[in-house]
Amino acid sequence: MNGINAKAIVTLLFGLGLGIYVMVEVLLARTSSLGQLYLFMAVGAFVFGLVNPRPAMYLLMFCTVYIDVFKRLMVVGGNPTFQDVAYILAIPPLLVAGSIVSVFLGATVGRGKMTRDMFISLIVSVVVVVVTVAGTAYGSSDRAGLGKLGVIVNQGFYSFLFFTLPVLFPSDEDRRKLLHFSFLTFIPSMFYMFWQRKFGYADYETAYLMTGLTIEVKNFAESMGQVRCFSTFNGAGTASTLFSIYVLYCFVPLRPGNAVPSVFKRTGKWLLAPLFMIAAYFTIGRTGWFCGVGSLLAYAVLGTKLRARFGIFAGIGIFVTVILLAPIMIKDRWLQIMETQLKHIVLATTNDPTLTRAVMLGSVQDRVQGWANLTTNTMIWQPFGFVASGISVSNTTNADFHWGHDALIDSLINFGYVPVVLGLIIGGYLFSRVFKYMYSLPREALAFKNTRLCIALAVGILVGAMGNGAQFRNFPQNLFFSLWLAIPFATYQAAMRARKSASLAILPEDQSVEERTATSKARRVRGLHRPNPA
């Protein structure tokens, strides 16, 4: 028809109709017009992850840092509700969900193939999700509606990265690029922390805090004369954890093609380290500071197999020692004495509100009380969790008594000691395999650098979780923890596949060489009996 493409016309009309519908729905929204827009963006996120799973992972890295900014901006378009908040927070998991479906369909009905490694990764991911979601569903029995759904999504859903990451980022260079992009997204957020410290919260940020949709409104009561900054993240604790952990990345030379970085580039990254430290300091989040220290120490000990073994046993020994000393610390009021002395030292030298609040150890007392329960209260040791034993989970924390805040006690309450011990055994075995492979590599290999860095970053989250179990529950820490473990897992899988392929490729070649050798010998032997023409 004179070169007219009917398919293009239909597509154009459909796109125009959809655009008009979205625009009308957004403009006529009863709550927040931006909140209504985020609903359509969430649907688009799933479609984008389904169609372009690899670019969706890069968009996911952007969302880990800046998704909360879009959430705060909802006050500009009206009066947001919890449902509007759910729309914007659904974008990251829907990006992952789309990529999961894309990889699965590609391996089952597409051109790809469901390999043995992919099947194992899928089974492991499904088991982790089922166990964590089941425990969370029981443990969050006091929640309902969107709140409970959000907890369930955050608990274990991102473990599907173990299934998708090896397919979407098959090479060490691909995984290095993803890590580097994630680091770059943090730099503007880090500089915004200095802006927030200097000028305070923006008007729209203050308006959002006052809506009652976030617990961060407590920052007004806890400021002590100084704004508690949290930059572009959902809270000061999250900002403190991630800024502190990414200090390590400033010292790790990961360059394209595993090239040696120039002095200028290396120095530039080093200069970012103190800026990340200061940004973490502005949050007054002490748990995050310990996360950063844990990552740096983990990276140092992971340099050699001997140091790694020493670091593992030392870390476990220190944590066990703290648990055993916890009842004594409470009885003899160690923390109260320490807090009094620290306040005396700080007030004698400065009146900085950040330092004054940093030496208040009330929340540390709650952590120590939880650790003390591990040795003084046998009720916490149930084989399959509180609900299975008929104990009400909602009564585990009140104004007078705390079971604990850390991930270990959370796991004992939700799952029980049998699944916890079993999980530790399986996790220990898997890590032993990864460590064995990692230390078989040259220290300058990109695979070794990626694996060492990611394990150290994950250890930082683990250190924080031993004091605050929310590190495993809150976005984006839970996503980063899964990502930083999935990358070594993908590296190990790729290496095992390469070794298997190499062995299969060598086998026919060896056989042909032997056959040629045997034939040559037979010819030489026959030649000895051949009569001489002379």
Protein backbone atom coordinates (compact mmCIF):
# COMPACT_ATOMS: atom_id res chain seq x y z
CA MET A 1 0.00 0.00 0.00
CA ASN A 2 2.38 2.68 -1.34
CA GLY A 3 5.06 1.67 1.19
CA ILE A 4 2.81 2.13 4.21
CA ASN A 5 3.70 -0.29 7.00
CA ALA A 6 0.46 -1.45 8.63
CA LYS A 7 2.33 -3.00 11.55
CA ALA A 8 4.06 0.29 12.33
CA ILE A 9 0.74 2.17 12.19
CA VAL A 10 -0.93 -0.27 14.58
CA THR A 11 2.01 -0.06 16.95
CA LEU A 12 1.97 3.74 16.82
CA LEU A 13 -1.77 3.91 17.53
CA PHE A 14 -1.44 1.47 20.40
CA GLY A 15 1.41 3.48 21.87
CA LEU A 16 -0.51 6.75 21.58
CA GLY A 17 -3.59 5.21 23.17
CA LEU A 18 -1.58 3.78 26.03
CA GLY A 19 0.21 7.09 26.55
CA ILE A 20 -3.06 9.03 26.67
CA TYR A 21 -4.52 6.54 29.15
CA VAL A 22 -1.50 6.78 31.44
CA MET A 23 -1.52 10.59 31.25
CA VAL A 24 -5.22 10.81 32.14
CA GLU A 25 -4.83 8.35 35.03
CA VAL A 26 -1.86 10.29 36.40
CA LEU A 27 -3.49 13.71 36.12
CA LEU A 28 -6.77 12.54 37.67
CA ALA A 29 -5.12 10.67 40.54
CA ARG A 30 -6.90 11.19 43.85
CA THR A 31 -3.76 10.88 45.97
CA SER A 32 -0.38 11.64 44.41
CA SER A 33 -0.09 11.98 40.65
CA LEU A 34 3.52 10.80 40.87
CA GLY A 35 2.42 7.82 42.92
CA GLN A 36 0.01 6.86 40.15
CA LEU A 37 2.79 7.31 37.60
CA TYR A 38 5.02 5.00 39.63
CA LEU A 39 2.37 2.28 39.30
CA PHE A 40 2.80 2.30 35.53
CA MET A 41 6.57 2.55 35.93
CA ALA A 42 6.49 -0.58 38.09
CA VAL A 43 4.65 -2.46 35.36
CA GLY A 44 7.13 -1.09 32.84
CA ALA A 45 10.00 -2.25 35.05
CA PHE A 46 8.78 -5.84 34.84
CA VAL A 47 8.41 -5.61 31.06
CA PHE A 48 11.84 -4.01 30.73
CA GLY A 49 13.42 -6.77 32.82
CA LEU A 50 11.63 -9.34 30.68
CA VAL A 51 12.74 -7.85 27.35
CA ASN A 52 16.20 -6.52 28.30
CA PRO A 53 17.34 -8.41 31.41
CA ARG A 54 20.97 -7.32 31.28
CA PRO A 55 20.33 -3.54 30.99
CA ALA A 56 17.69 -4.04 33.69
CA MET A 57 20.45 -5.07 36.09
CA TYR A 58 22.23 -1.77 35.48
CA LEU A 59 18.97 0.08 36.07
CA LEU A 60 18.62 -1.94 39.27
CA MET A 61 22.02 -0.65 40.44
CA PHE A 62 20.78 2.90 39.87
CA CYS A 63 17.60 2.16 41.83
CA THR A 64 19.58 0.89 44.82
CA VAL A 65 20.91 4.40 45.37
CA TYR A 66 18.20 6.77 44.12
CA ILE A 67 14.83 5.02 44.44
CA ASP A 68 14.12 6.85 47.70
CA VAL A 69 14.51 10.24 46.01
CA PHE A 70 11.58 9.43 43.73
CA LYS A 71 9.64 8.30 46.78
CA ARG A 72 10.17 11.66 48.51
CA LEU A 73 9.15 13.56 45.39
CA MET A 74 5.62 12.16 45.65
CA VAL A 75 4.70 15.02 47.99
CA VAL A 76 5.15 17.40 45.03
CA GLY A 77 2.31 15.71 43.15
CA GLY A 78 -0.25 15.49 45.95
CA ASN A 79 -0.80 13.56 49.15
CA PRO A 80 0.88 10.15 48.90
CA THR A 81 -0.37 7.05 50.68
CA PHE A 82 1.24 3.77 51.71
CA GLN A 83 -0.10 2.29 48.48
CA ASP A 84 1.78 4.90 46.46
CA VAL A 85 4.94 4.06 48.40
CA ALA A 86 4.40 0.40 47.54
CA TYR A 87 4.29 1.26 43.84
CA ILE A 88 7.69 2.93 43.80
CA LEU A 89 9.28 0.31 46.05
CA ALA A 90 8.00 -2.43 43.73
CA ILE A 91 10.21 -1.25 40.86
CA PRO A 92 13.49 -2.95 41.96
CA PRO A 93 11.98 -6.40 42.70
CA LEU A 94 9.95 -6.26 39.48
CA LEU A 95 13.12 -5.56 37.51
CA VAL A 96 14.58 -8.70 39.06
CA ALA A 97 11.35 -10.64 38.49
CA GLY A 98 11.35 -9.72 34.81
CA SER A 99 14.95 -10.84 34.39
CA ILE A 100 14.18 -14.13 36.18
CA VAL A 101 11.31 -14.89 33.80
CA SER A 102 13.44 -13.86 30.81
CA VAL A 103 16.35 -16.13 31.74
CA PHE A 104 14.04 -19.02 32.60
CA LEU A 105 12.09 -18.78 29.34
CA GLY A 106 15.29 -18.42 27.37
CA ALA A 107 16.65 -21.61 28.92
CA THR A 108 13.48 -23.66 28.54
CA VAL A 109 11.62 -22.56 25.41
CA GLY A 110 14.12 -20.22 23.76
CA ARG A 111 17.42 -20.74 22.00
CA GLY A 112 19.25 -21.31 25.25
CA LYS A 113 19.65 -24.55 27.16
CA MET A 114 18.93 -25.38 30.78
CA THR A 115 22.35 -26.62 31.83
CA ARG A 116 23.12 -28.61 34.93
CA ASP A 117 24.65 -25.53 36.59
CA MET A 118 21.59 -23.41 35.84
CA PHE A 119 19.28 -26.08 37.20
CA ILE A 120 21.29 -26.32 40.44
CA SER A 121 21.30 -22.52 40.76
CA LEU A 122 17.54 -22.41 40.24
CA ILE A 123 16.91 -25.13 42.83
CA VAL A 124 19.17 -23.40 45.38
CA SER A 125 17.43 -20.06 44.79
CA VAL A 126 13.96 -21.58 45.10
CA VAL A 127 14.88 -23.41 48.33
CA VAL A 128 16.32 -20.23 49.87
CA VAL A 129 13.25 -18.22 48.88
CA VAL A 130 10.78 -20.83 50.15
CA VAL A 131 12.53 -21.24 53.49
CA THR A 132 13.04 -17.53 54.14
CA VAL A 133 9.57 -16.53 52.97
CA ALA A 134 7.95 -19.26 55.07
CA GLY A 135 9.90 -18.21 58.16
CA THR A 136 9.17 -14.55 57.53
CA ALA A 137 5.46 -15.19 56.94
CA TYR A 138 5.22 -16.95 60.30
CA GLY A 139 7.51 -14.49 62.02
CA SER A 140 5.57 -11.50 60.68
CA SER A 141 2.19 -12.79 61.75
CA ASP A 142 1.41 -9.44 63.36
CA ARG A 143 1.70 -7.69 60.00
CA ALA A 144 -0.92 -7.53 57.30
CA GLY A 145 -1.45 -6.30 53.78
CA LEU A 146 1.30 -4.44 51.95
CA GLY A 147 3.55 -4.39 55.01
CA LYS A 148 3.70 -8.18 55.19
CA LEU A 149 4.08 -8.47 51.41
CA GLY A 150 7.04 -6.08 51.50
CA VAL A 151 8.74 -8.11 54.22
CA ILE A 152 8.24 -11.34 52.28
CA VAL A 153 9.65 -9.85 49.06
CA ASN A 154 12.70 -8.49 50.85
CA GLN A 155 13.40 -11.79 52.61
CA GLY A 156 15.16 -14.06 50.17
CA PHE A 157 13.68 -12.88 46.86
CA TYR A 158 16.98 -11.46 45.63
CA SER A 159 18.64 -14.86 46.05
CA PHE A 160 17.37 -15.52 42.49
CA LEU A 161 20.42 -13.51 41.42
CA PHE A 162 22.32 -16.79 41.87
CA PHE A 163 20.24 -18.07 38.93
CA THR A 164 20.23 -15.03 36.64
CA LEU A 165 23.68 -13.48 37.16
CA PRO A 166 25.77 -16.34 35.65
CA VAL A 167 23.65 -16.13 32.49
CA LEU A 168 23.46 -12.34 32.15
CA PHE A 169 27.10 -11.69 33.10
CA PRO A 170 29.01 -14.78 31.98
CA SER A 171 32.56 -13.38 32.01
CA ASP A 172 34.76 -11.87 34.71
CA GLU A 173 34.96 -8.63 32.73
CA ASP A 174 31.15 -8.41 32.57
CA ARG A 175 30.91 -8.79 36.32
CA ARG A 176 33.69 -6.24 36.85
CA LYS A 177 31.76 -3.71 34.78
CA LEU A 178 28.64 -4.26 36.88
CA LEU A 179 30.60 -3.73 40.10
CA HIS A 180 32.25 -0.61 38.74
CA PHE A 181 28.95 0.86 37.56
CA SER A 182 27.50 0.28 41.02
CA PHE A 183 30.41 2.17 42.55
CA LEU A 184 30.00 5.09 40.14
CA THR A 185 26.32 5.47 41.06
CA PHE A 186 27.34 6.06 44.68
CA ILE A 187 29.58 9.04 43.97
CA PRO A 188 26.83 11.67 43.33
CA SER A 189 24.96 10.38 46.38
CA MET A 190 28.08 10.78 48.47
CA PHE A 191 28.50 14.41 47.38
CA TYR A 192 24.82 15.07 48.07
CA MET A 193 25.50 13.99 51.65
CA PHE A 194 27.81 17.01 52.03
CA TRP A 195 25.11 19.26 50.56
CA GLN A 196 22.54 17.89 53.01
CA ARG A 197 24.94 18.39 55.90
CA LYS A 198 25.57 22.00 54.89
CA PHE A 199 22.03 23.13 54.00
CA GLY A 200 19.82 20.58 55.76
CA TYR A 201 16.84 18.77 54.31
CA ALA A 202 15.23 20.15 51.17
CA ASP A 203 11.64 21.35 51.47
CA TYR A 204 10.22 18.30 49.72
CA GLU A 205 12.30 16.01 51.98
CA THR A 206 10.96 17.70 55.09
CA ALA A 207 7.42 17.48 53.74
CA TYR A 208 7.84 13.77 53.06
CA LEU A 209 9.24 13.07 56.52
CA MET A 210 6.18 14.77 58.01
CA THR A 211 3.69 12.61 56.07
CA GLY A 212 4.01 9.74 58.53
CA LEU A 213 5.00 7.33 55.75
CA THR A 214 8.51 6.81 57.12
CA ILE A 215 10.03 6.23 60.54
CA GLU A 216 12.86 8.58 59.60
CA VAL A 217 10.75 11.41 61.05
CA LYS A 218 12.56 10.45 64.25
CA ASN A 219 15.56 12.35 62.86
CA PHE A 220 13.92 15.59 63.98
CA ALA A 221 13.79 14.35 67.58
CA GLU A 222 17.26 12.78 67.53
CA SER A 223 19.09 15.61 65.79
CA MET A 224 20.54 17.18 68.98
CA GLY A 225 20.99 20.40 67.02
CA GLN A 226 22.45 18.79 63.91
CA VAL A 227 20.65 17.26 60.92
CA ARG A 228 21.14 13.50 60.74
CA CYS A 229 21.90 13.06 57.06
CA PHE A 230 20.86 10.10 54.95
CA SER A 231 21.46 11.48 51.44
CA THR A 232 19.47 9.62 48.77
CA PHE A 233 18.84 6.49 50.85
CA ASN A 234 15.85 5.38 52.90
CA GLY A 235 17.58 6.00 56.21
CA ALA A 236 20.79 6.99 57.95
CA GLY A 237 21.59 3.36 58.78
CA THR A 238 21.52 2.32 55.13
CA ALA A 239 23.65 5.28 54.06
CA SER A 240 26.18 4.59 56.82
CA THR A 241 26.48 0.91 55.89
CA LEU A 242 26.93 1.36 52.16
CA PHE A 243 29.18 4.42 52.26
CA SER A 244 31.40 2.70 54.84
CA ILE A 245 31.60 -0.52 52.85
CA TYR A 246 32.38 1.23 49.57
CA VAL A 247 35.45 2.80 51.14
CA LEU A 248 37.07 -0.55 50.37
CA TYR A 249 36.33 -0.24 46.64
CA CYS A 250 38.37 2.96 46.53
CA PHE A 251 41.52 0.92 47.25
CA VAL A 252 40.88 -2.03 44.91
CA PRO A 253 42.42 -1.63 41.42
CA LEU A 254 39.83 -3.10 39.05
CA ARG A 255 40.44 -1.80 35.54
CA PRO A 256 39.05 -2.79 32.11
CA GLY A 257 40.73 -5.93 30.86
CA ASN A 258 42.48 -6.29 34.23
CA ALA A 259 44.93 -3.59 33.15
CA VAL A 260 47.24 -1.92 35.64
CA PRO A 261 45.71 1.46 36.60
CA SER A 262 47.73 4.59 36.02
CA VAL A 263 49.02 6.60 38.96
CA PHE A 264 46.49 9.34 38.22
CA LYS A 265 43.49 6.98 38.24
CA ARG A 266 44.71 5.12 41.31
CA THR A 267 45.24 8.38 43.20
CA GLY A 268 41.81 9.64 42.16
CA LYS A 269 40.11 6.61 43.68
CA TRP A 270 42.18 6.91 46.85
CA LEU A 271 41.06 10.52 47.26
CA LEU A 272 37.43 9.37 47.23
CA ALA A 273 38.00 7.14 50.27
CA PRO A 274 38.11 9.92 52.90
CA LEU A 275 35.04 11.52 51.31
CA PHE A 276 33.10 8.26 51.69
CA MET A 277 34.32 8.03 55.30
CA ILE A 278 33.15 11.56 56.10
CA ALA A 279 29.79 10.90 54.42
CA ALA A 280 29.36 7.81 56.61
CA TYR A 281 30.32 9.84 59.67
CA PHE A 282 27.56 12.38 58.97
CA THR A 283 24.94 9.62 59.36
CA ILE A 284 25.90 8.89 63.01
CA GLY A 285 25.26 5.23 62.14
CA ARG A 286 27.73 3.23 64.20
CA THR A 287 26.66 -0.17 62.88
CA GLY A 288 27.54 0.98 59.38
CA TRP A 289 30.98 2.08 60.55
CA PHE A 290 31.65 -1.43 61.85
CA CYS A 291 30.47 -2.80 58.50
CA GLY A 292 33.14 -0.76 56.75
CA VAL A 293 35.85 -1.88 59.16
CA GLY A 294 34.72 -5.49 58.70
CA SER A 295 35.02 -5.22 54.91
CA LEU A 296 38.51 -3.73 55.08
CA LEU A 297 39.72 -6.42 57.49
CA ALA A 298 38.10 -9.17 55.43
CA TYR A 299 39.80 -7.95 52.26
CA ALA A 300 43.15 -7.89 54.05
CA VAL A 301 42.91 -11.44 55.39
CA LEU A 302 41.54 -12.85 52.12
CA GLY A 303 44.85 -12.11 50.41
CA THR A 304 46.22 -15.57 51.23
CA LYS A 305 44.73 -18.89 52.29
CA LEU A 306 46.58 -18.84 55.63
CA ARG A 307 45.36 -15.35 56.51
CA ALA A 308 41.83 -16.28 55.44
CA ARG A 309 41.75 -19.26 57.79
CA PHE A 310 43.10 -17.13 60.61
CA GLY A 311 40.53 -14.41 59.90
CA ILE A 312 37.60 -16.85 59.90
CA PHE A 313 38.58 -18.45 63.20
CA ALA A 314 39.40 -15.07 64.75
CA GLY A 315 36.05 -13.58 63.70
CA ILE A 316 34.09 -16.54 65.05
CA GLY A 317 36.15 -16.52 68.23
CA ILE A 318 35.56 -12.81 68.86
CA PHE A 319 31.80 -13.14 68.33
CA VAL A 320 31.56 -16.17 70.63
CA THR A 321 33.61 -14.33 73.27
CA VAL A 322 31.27 -11.34 73.13
CA ILE A 323 28.26 -13.66 73.54
CA LEU A 324 29.83 -15.35 76.56
CA LEU A 325 30.76 -12.00 78.13
CA ALA A 326 27.37 -10.38 77.44
CA PRO A 327 25.75 -11.40 80.78
CA ILE A 328 28.76 -10.06 82.67
CA MET A 329 28.69 -6.82 80.67
CA ILE A 330 25.06 -6.28 81.68
CA LYS A 331 25.53 -7.29 85.30
CA ASP A 332 28.58 -5.08 85.87
CA ARG A 333 27.20 -2.18 83.77
CA TRP A 334 30.18 -2.04 81.44
CA LEU A 335 28.39 0.01 78.79
CA GLN A 336 27.03 2.59 81.24
CA ILE A 337 30.51 3.11 82.65
CA MET A 338 31.99 3.35 79.16
CA GLU A 339 29.32 5.82 78.04
CA THR A 340 29.96 8.07 81.04
CA GLN A 341 33.69 8.13 80.36
CA LEU A 342 33.24 8.76 76.64
CA LYS A 343 30.81 11.61 77.27
CA HIS A 344 33.27 13.18 79.69
CA ILE A 345 36.06 13.00 77.10
CA VAL A 346 33.92 14.31 74.22
CA LEU A 347 32.29 17.16 76.13
CA ALA A 348 35.68 18.22 77.42
CA THR A 349 37.03 18.61 73.89
CA THR A 350 34.07 19.54 71.66
CA ASN A 351 30.35 20.23 71.60
CA ASP A 352 29.81 18.68 68.17
CA PRO A 353 26.30 17.10 68.17
CA THR A 354 27.45 14.25 65.92
CA LEU A 355 30.15 13.11 68.34
CA THR A 356 27.86 13.66 71.32
CA ARG A 357 25.24 11.37 69.87
CA ALA A 358 27.80 8.82 68.68
CA VAL A 359 28.92 8.07 72.25
CA MET A 360 25.38 7.39 73.48
CA LEU A 361 25.34 3.59 73.86
CA GLY A 362 21.67 2.94 74.62
CA SER A 363 21.08 0.95 71.42
CA VAL A 364 24.29 -1.01 72.04
CA GLN A 365 22.83 -2.08 75.37
CA ASP A 366 19.89 -3.65 73.49
CA ARG A 367 22.29 -5.66 71.31
CA VAL A 368 24.24 -6.91 74.30
CA GLN A 369 20.99 -7.93 76.02
CA GLY A 370 20.07 -9.97 72.96
CA TRP A 371 23.43 -11.75 72.93
CA ALA A 372 23.06 -12.47 76.63
CA ASN A 373 19.76 -14.24 75.92
CA LEU A 374 21.65 -16.84 73.90
CA THR A 375 23.29 -18.17 77.06
CA THR A 376 20.81 -17.22 79.79
CA ASN A 377 17.40 -18.01 78.26
CA THR A 378 16.82 -21.51 76.89
CA MET A 379 13.44 -20.56 75.40
CA ILE A 380 15.18 -19.02 72.42
CA TRP A 381 16.58 -22.42 71.40
CA GLN A 382 13.55 -23.96 69.67
CA PRO A 383 14.20 -26.64 67.01
CA PHE A 384 11.95 -25.07 64.36
CA GLY A 385 11.24 -21.58 65.61
CA PHE A 386 8.78 -19.95 67.95
CA VAL A 387 5.63 -20.43 65.89
CA ALA A 388 6.22 -24.18 65.49
CA SER A 389 6.62 -24.41 69.27
CA GLY A 390 3.44 -22.44 69.96
CA ILE A 391 5.23 -19.31 71.20
CA SER A 392 3.86 -15.92 70.16
CA VAL A 393 6.39 -14.06 68.05
CA SER A 394 4.72 -10.71 68.68
CA ASN A 395 5.71 -10.89 72.35
CA THR A 396 9.43 -11.29 71.71
CA THR A 397 10.04 -7.55 71.95
CA ASN A 398 8.47 -5.02 74.28
CA ALA A 399 9.41 -1.93 76.23
CA ASP A 400 11.01 -3.87 79.09
CA PHE A 401 12.67 -6.82 77.39
CA HIS A 402 14.32 -7.54 74.07
CA TRP A 403 15.08 -10.94 72.65
CA GLY A 404 17.57 -9.31 70.33
CA HIS A 405 18.13 -7.30 67.17
CA ASP A 406 20.74 -9.38 65.35
CA ALA A 407 20.33 -11.81 62.47
CA LEU A 408 21.28 -14.86 64.55
CA ILE A 409 18.47 -14.35 67.06
CA ASP A 410 16.04 -13.39 64.29
CA SER A 411 16.86 -16.67 62.56
CA LEU A 412 16.44 -18.71 65.74
CA ILE A 413 13.04 -17.10 66.38
CA ASN A 414 11.76 -17.50 62.81
CA PHE A 415 13.36 -20.79 61.77
CA GLY A 416 14.82 -22.57 64.82
CA TYR A 417 18.25 -23.99 65.48
CA VAL A 418 17.85 -27.06 63.20
CA PRO A 419 17.49 -25.06 59.93
CA VAL A 420 20.09 -22.55 61.13
CA VAL A 421 22.71 -25.23 61.81
CA LEU A 422 21.87 -27.00 58.55
CA GLY A 423 22.19 -23.72 56.65
CA LEU A 424 25.54 -22.98 58.26
CA ILE A 425 26.85 -26.42 57.29
CA ILE A 426 25.72 -26.09 53.67
CA GLY A 427 26.99 -22.51 53.45
CA GLY A 428 30.33 -23.52 54.94
CA TYR A 429 30.71 -26.32 52.40
CA LEU A 430 29.90 -24.06 49.45
CA PHE A 431 32.32 -21.40 50.64
CA SER A 432 35.05 -23.99 51.11
CA ARG A 433 34.67 -24.92 47.43
CA VAL A 434 34.77 -21.28 46.36
CA PHE A 435 37.83 -20.61 48.55
CA LYS A 436 39.61 -23.67 47.15
CA TYR A 437 39.02 -22.43 43.63
CA MET A 438 39.91 -18.81 44.46
CA TYR A 439 43.30 -19.70 45.92
CA SER A 440 44.12 -21.86 42.92
CA LEU A 441 44.14 -18.69 40.81
CA PRO A 442 47.03 -16.27 40.30
CA ARG A 443 46.70 -13.29 42.64
CA GLU A 444 46.64 -10.89 39.68
CA ALA A 445 43.84 -12.72 37.85
CA LEU A 446 40.63 -10.74 37.44
CA ALA A 447 38.60 -13.70 38.72
CA PHE A 448 40.61 -13.67 41.97
CA LYS A 449 40.20 -9.91 42.38
CA ASN A 450 36.45 -10.01 41.77
CA THR A 451 35.93 -12.92 44.15
CA ARG A 452 38.09 -11.46 46.90
CA LEU A 453 36.40 -8.05 46.67
CA CYS A 454 32.83 -9.40 46.64
CA ILE A 455 33.37 -11.74 49.58
CA ALA A 456 34.90 -8.88 51.58
CA LEU A 457 31.95 -6.61 50.75
CA ALA A 458 29.50 -9.35 51.78
CA VAL A 459 31.38 -9.84 55.05
CA GLY A 460 30.75 -6.16 55.80
CA ILE A 461 26.99 -6.73 55.57
CA LEU A 462 27.36 -9.89 57.68
CA VAL A 463 29.23 -8.01 60.41
CA GLY A 464 26.45 -5.43 60.56
CA ALA A 465 23.78 -8.14 60.61
CA MET A 466 25.31 -9.67 63.73
CA GLY A 467 24.40 -6.44 65.49
CA ASN A 468 21.34 -5.44 63.48
CA GLY A 469 19.36 -8.09 61.63
CA ALA A 470 17.71 -5.41 59.51
CA GLN A 471 20.82 -5.52 57.31
CA PHE A 472 19.41 -8.72 55.80
CA ARG A 473 15.84 -7.39 55.60
CA ASN A 474 16.19 -3.84 54.32
CA PHE A 475 16.64 -2.77 50.72
CA PRO A 476 19.21 -2.32 49.25
CA GLN A 477 21.51 -4.12 51.72
CA ASN A 478 19.72 -7.41 51.11
CA LEU A 479 20.12 -7.03 47.35
CA PHE A 480 23.81 -6.16 47.61
CA PHE A 481 24.44 -9.10 49.94
CA SER A 482 22.91 -11.49 47.39
CA LEU A 483 24.73 -9.79 44.51
CA TRP A 484 28.13 -9.91 46.22
CA LEU A 485 27.69 -13.62 46.92
CA ALA A 486 26.24 -14.40 43.49
CA ILE A 487 29.30 -12.99 41.70
CA PRO A 488 31.80 -15.43 43.32
CA PHE A 489 29.26 -18.20 42.76
CA ALA A 490 29.00 -17.31 39.06
CA THR A 491 32.80 -17.10 38.80
CA TYR A 492 33.18 -20.55 40.32
CA GLN A 493 30.51 -22.01 38.02
CA ALA A 494 32.18 -20.53 34.93
CA ALA A 495 35.55 -21.96 35.96
CA MET A 496 34.12 -25.43 36.54
CA ARG A 497 32.40 -25.36 33.13
CA ALA A 498 35.63 -24.25 31.46
CA ARG A 499 37.62 -27.04 33.10
CA LYS A 500 35.04 -29.63 32.09
CA SER A 501 34.96 -28.38 28.50
CA ALA A 502 38.75 -28.38 28.35
CA SER A 503 38.97 -31.96 29.60
CA LEU A 504 36.38 -33.11 27.05
CA ALA A 505 38.22 -31.30 24.26
CA ILE A 506 41.57 -32.82 25.19
CA LEU A 507 40.31 -36.41 25.39
CA PRO A 508 39.74 -37.04 21.63
CA GLU A 509 43.01 -35.32 20.84
CA ASP A 510 44.92 -37.66 23.17
CA GLN A 511 43.26 -40.68 21.62
CA SER A 512 44.19 -39.59 18.09
CA VAL A 513 47.81 -39.07 19.15
CA GLU A 514 47.94 -42.58 20.62
CA GLU A 515 46.41 -44.04 17.48
CA ARG A 516 48.95 -42.24 15.30
CA THR A 517 51.79 -43.45 17.52
CA ALA A 518 50.56 -47.06 17.37
CA THR A 519 50.22 -46.88 13.58
CA SER A 520 53.71 -45.44 13.24
CA LYS A 521 55.18 -48.23 15.38
CA ALA A 522 53.35 -50.88 13.34
CA ARG A 523 54.77 -49.43 10.13
CA ARG A 524 58.28 -49.47 11.55
CA VAL A 525 57.90 -53.09 12.68
CA ARG A 526 56.61 -54.18 9.26
CA GLY A 527 59.51 -52.38 7.69
CA LEU A 528 61.99 -54.62 9.52
CA HIS A 529 60.65 -57.73 7.76
CA ARG A 530 60.39 -56.14 4.34
CA PRO A 531 62.97 -57.66 1.99
CA ASN A 532 65.78 -55.47 0.77
CA PRO A 533 65.46 -54.76 -2.96
CA ALA A 534 69.23 -54.84 -3.26
